[in-house]
Amino acid sequence: MRIIKKYDLAISDFDKALTYNPDDVLVLYQKGEVLLSLGQKEKACEHFLKVKKLGNNEIDDVIEKAKCKNL
């Protein structure tokens, strides 16, 4: 339960950061990783795909591993 609360805090912090810079690829990626860890694959993939859309092709392996293309 403690870990989930820390994930929730992390997501809250990511959301705050994204209000200042919604195209911050590092924050988007990290939020996606946390969401994926919580089993929220669809939301995680949305973040990973946005990172790709912003021009970061290094995310391709993560997208493939998370099987985002199947959504």
C-alpha atoms as a PDB file:
ATOM      1  CA  MET A   1       0.000   0.000   0.000  1.00  0.00           C
ATOM      2  CA  ARG A   2       2.872   2.350   0.783  1.00  0.00           C
ATOM      3  CA  ILE A   3       4.344   1.923  -2.663  1.00  0.00           C
ATOM      4  CA  ILE A   4       1.036   2.767  -4.330  1.00  0.00           C
ATOM      5  CA  LYS A   5       0.825   5.964  -2.297  1.00  0.00           C
ATOM      6  CA  LYS A   6       4.310   6.917  -3.464  1.00  0.00           C
ATOM      7  CA  TYR A   7       3.270   6.233  -7.059  1.00  0.00           C
ATOM      8  CA  ASP A   8       0.218   8.431  -6.525  1.00  0.00           C
ATOM      9  CA  LEU A   9       2.459  11.208  -5.207  1.00  0.00           C
ATOM     10  CA  ALA A  10       4.776  10.805  -8.176  1.00  0.00           C
ATOM     11  CA  ILE A  11       1.864  11.055 -10.604  1.00  0.00           C
ATOM     12  CA  SER A  12       0.679  14.184  -8.824  1.00  0.00           C
ATOM     13  CA  ASP A  13       4.151  15.702  -9.124  1.00  0.00           C
ATOM     14  CA  PHE A  14       4.337  14.773 -12.816  1.00  0.00           C
ATOM     15  CA  ASP A  15       0.944  16.383 -13.396  1.00  0.00           C
ATOM     16  CA  LYS A  16       2.135  19.591 -11.739  1.00  0.00           C
ATOM     17  CA  ALA A  17       5.282  19.632 -13.866  1.00  0.00           C
ATOM     18  CA  LEU A  18       3.252  19.047 -17.022  1.00  0.00           C
ATOM     19  CA  THR A  19       1.080  22.084 -16.285  1.00  0.00           C
ATOM     20  CA  TYR A  20       4.216  24.194 -16.733  1.00  0.00           C
ATOM     21  CA  ASN A  21       5.555  22.295 -19.741  1.00  0.00           C
ATOM     22  CA  PRO A  22       3.098  19.808 -21.275  1.00  0.00           C
ATOM     23  CA  ASP A  23       5.701  18.712 -23.823  1.00  0.00           C
ATOM     24  CA  ASP A  24       8.433  17.737 -21.354  1.00  0.00           C
ATOM     25  CA  VAL A  25       9.429  14.359 -22.781  1.00  0.00           C
ATOM     26  CA  LEU A  26      11.267  13.251 -19.640  1.00  0.00           C
ATOM     27  CA  VAL A  27       8.264  13.895 -17.409  1.00  0.00           C
ATOM     28  CA  LEU A  28       5.906  12.275 -19.920  1.00  0.00           C
ATOM     29  CA  TYR A  29       8.152   9.218 -20.106  1.00  0.00           C
ATOM     30  CA  GLN A  30       8.514   8.921 -16.331  1.00  0.00           C
ATOM     31  CA  LYS A  31       4.783   9.304 -15.778  1.00  0.00           C
ATOM     32  CA  GLY A  32       4.204   6.608 -18.386  1.00  0.00           C
ATOM     33  CA  GLU A  33       6.574   4.268 -16.567  1.00  0.00           C
ATOM     34  CA  VAL A  34       4.741   4.801 -13.269  1.00  0.00           C
ATOM     35  CA  LEU A  35       1.365   4.264 -14.920  1.00  0.00           C
ATOM     36  CA  LEU A  36       2.648   1.078 -16.539  1.00  0.00           C
ATOM     37  CA  SER A  37       3.888  -0.139 -13.143  1.00  0.00           C
ATOM     38  CA  LEU A  38       0.388   0.431 -11.778  1.00  0.00           C
ATOM     39  CA  GLY A  39      -1.119  -1.659 -14.573  1.00  0.00           C
ATOM     40  CA  GLN A  40      -2.583   1.339 -16.394  1.00  0.00           C
ATOM     41  CA  LYS A  41      -1.225   0.313 -19.772  1.00  0.00           C
ATOM     42  CA  GLU A  42      -3.537   2.414 -21.937  1.00  0.00           C
ATOM     43  CA  LYS A  43      -2.723   5.625 -20.067  1.00  0.00           C
ATOM     44  CA  ALA A  44       0.975   4.752 -20.049  1.00  0.00           C
ATOM     45  CA  CYS A  45       0.950   4.192 -23.794  1.00  0.00           C
ATOM     46  CA  GLU A  46      -0.725   7.553 -24.334  1.00  0.00           C
ATOM     47  CA  HIS A  47       2.261   9.175 -22.636  1.00  0.00           C
ATOM     48  CA  PHE A  48       4.831   7.067 -24.495  1.00  0.00           C
ATOM     49  CA  LEU A  49       3.174   7.794 -27.839  1.00  0.00           C
ATOM     50  CA  LYS A  50       3.144  11.525 -27.077  1.00  0.00           C
ATOM     51  CA  VAL A  51       6.897  11.339 -26.414  1.00  0.00           C
ATOM     52  CA  LYS A  52       7.294   9.725 -29.840  1.00  0.00           C
ATOM     53  CA  LYS A  53       5.050  12.325 -31.465  1.00  0.00           C
ATOM     54  CA  LEU A  54       7.288  15.038 -29.993  1.00  0.00           C
ATOM     55  CA  GLY A  55      10.159  13.557 -31.993  1.00  0.00           C
ATOM     56  CA  ASN A  56      11.924  11.306 -29.510  1.00  0.00           C
ATOM     57  CA  ASN A  57      12.579   8.039 -31.339  1.00  0.00           C
ATOM     58  CA  GLU A  58      14.495   6.565 -28.403  1.00  0.00           C
ATOM     59  CA  ILE A  59      11.095   5.650 -26.965  1.00  0.00           C
ATOM     60  CA  ASP A  60      10.464   3.029 -29.685  1.00  0.00           C
ATOM     61  CA  ASP A  61      11.795   0.144 -27.565  1.00  0.00           C
ATOM     62  CA  VAL A  62       9.573   1.145 -24.645  1.00  0.00           C
ATOM     63  CA  ILE A  63       6.536   1.380 -26.925  1.00  0.00           C
ATOM     64  CA  GLU A  64       7.287  -2.059 -28.343  1.00  0.00           C
ATOM     65  CA  LYS A  65       7.905  -3.607 -24.919  1.00  0.00           C
ATOM     66  CA  ALA A  66       4.655  -2.151 -23.560  1.00  0.00           C
ATOM     67  CA  LYS A  67       2.879  -3.368 -26.717  1.00  0.00           C
ATOM     68  CA  CYS A  68       1.354   0.062 -27.261  1.00  0.00           C
ATOM     69  CA  LYS A  69       0.849  -0.544 -30.955  1.00  0.00           C
ATOM     70  CA  ASN A  70      -1.912  -3.023 -30.167  1.00  0.00           C
ATOM     71  CA  LEU A  71      -4.148  -0.377 -28.624  1.00  0.00           C
END
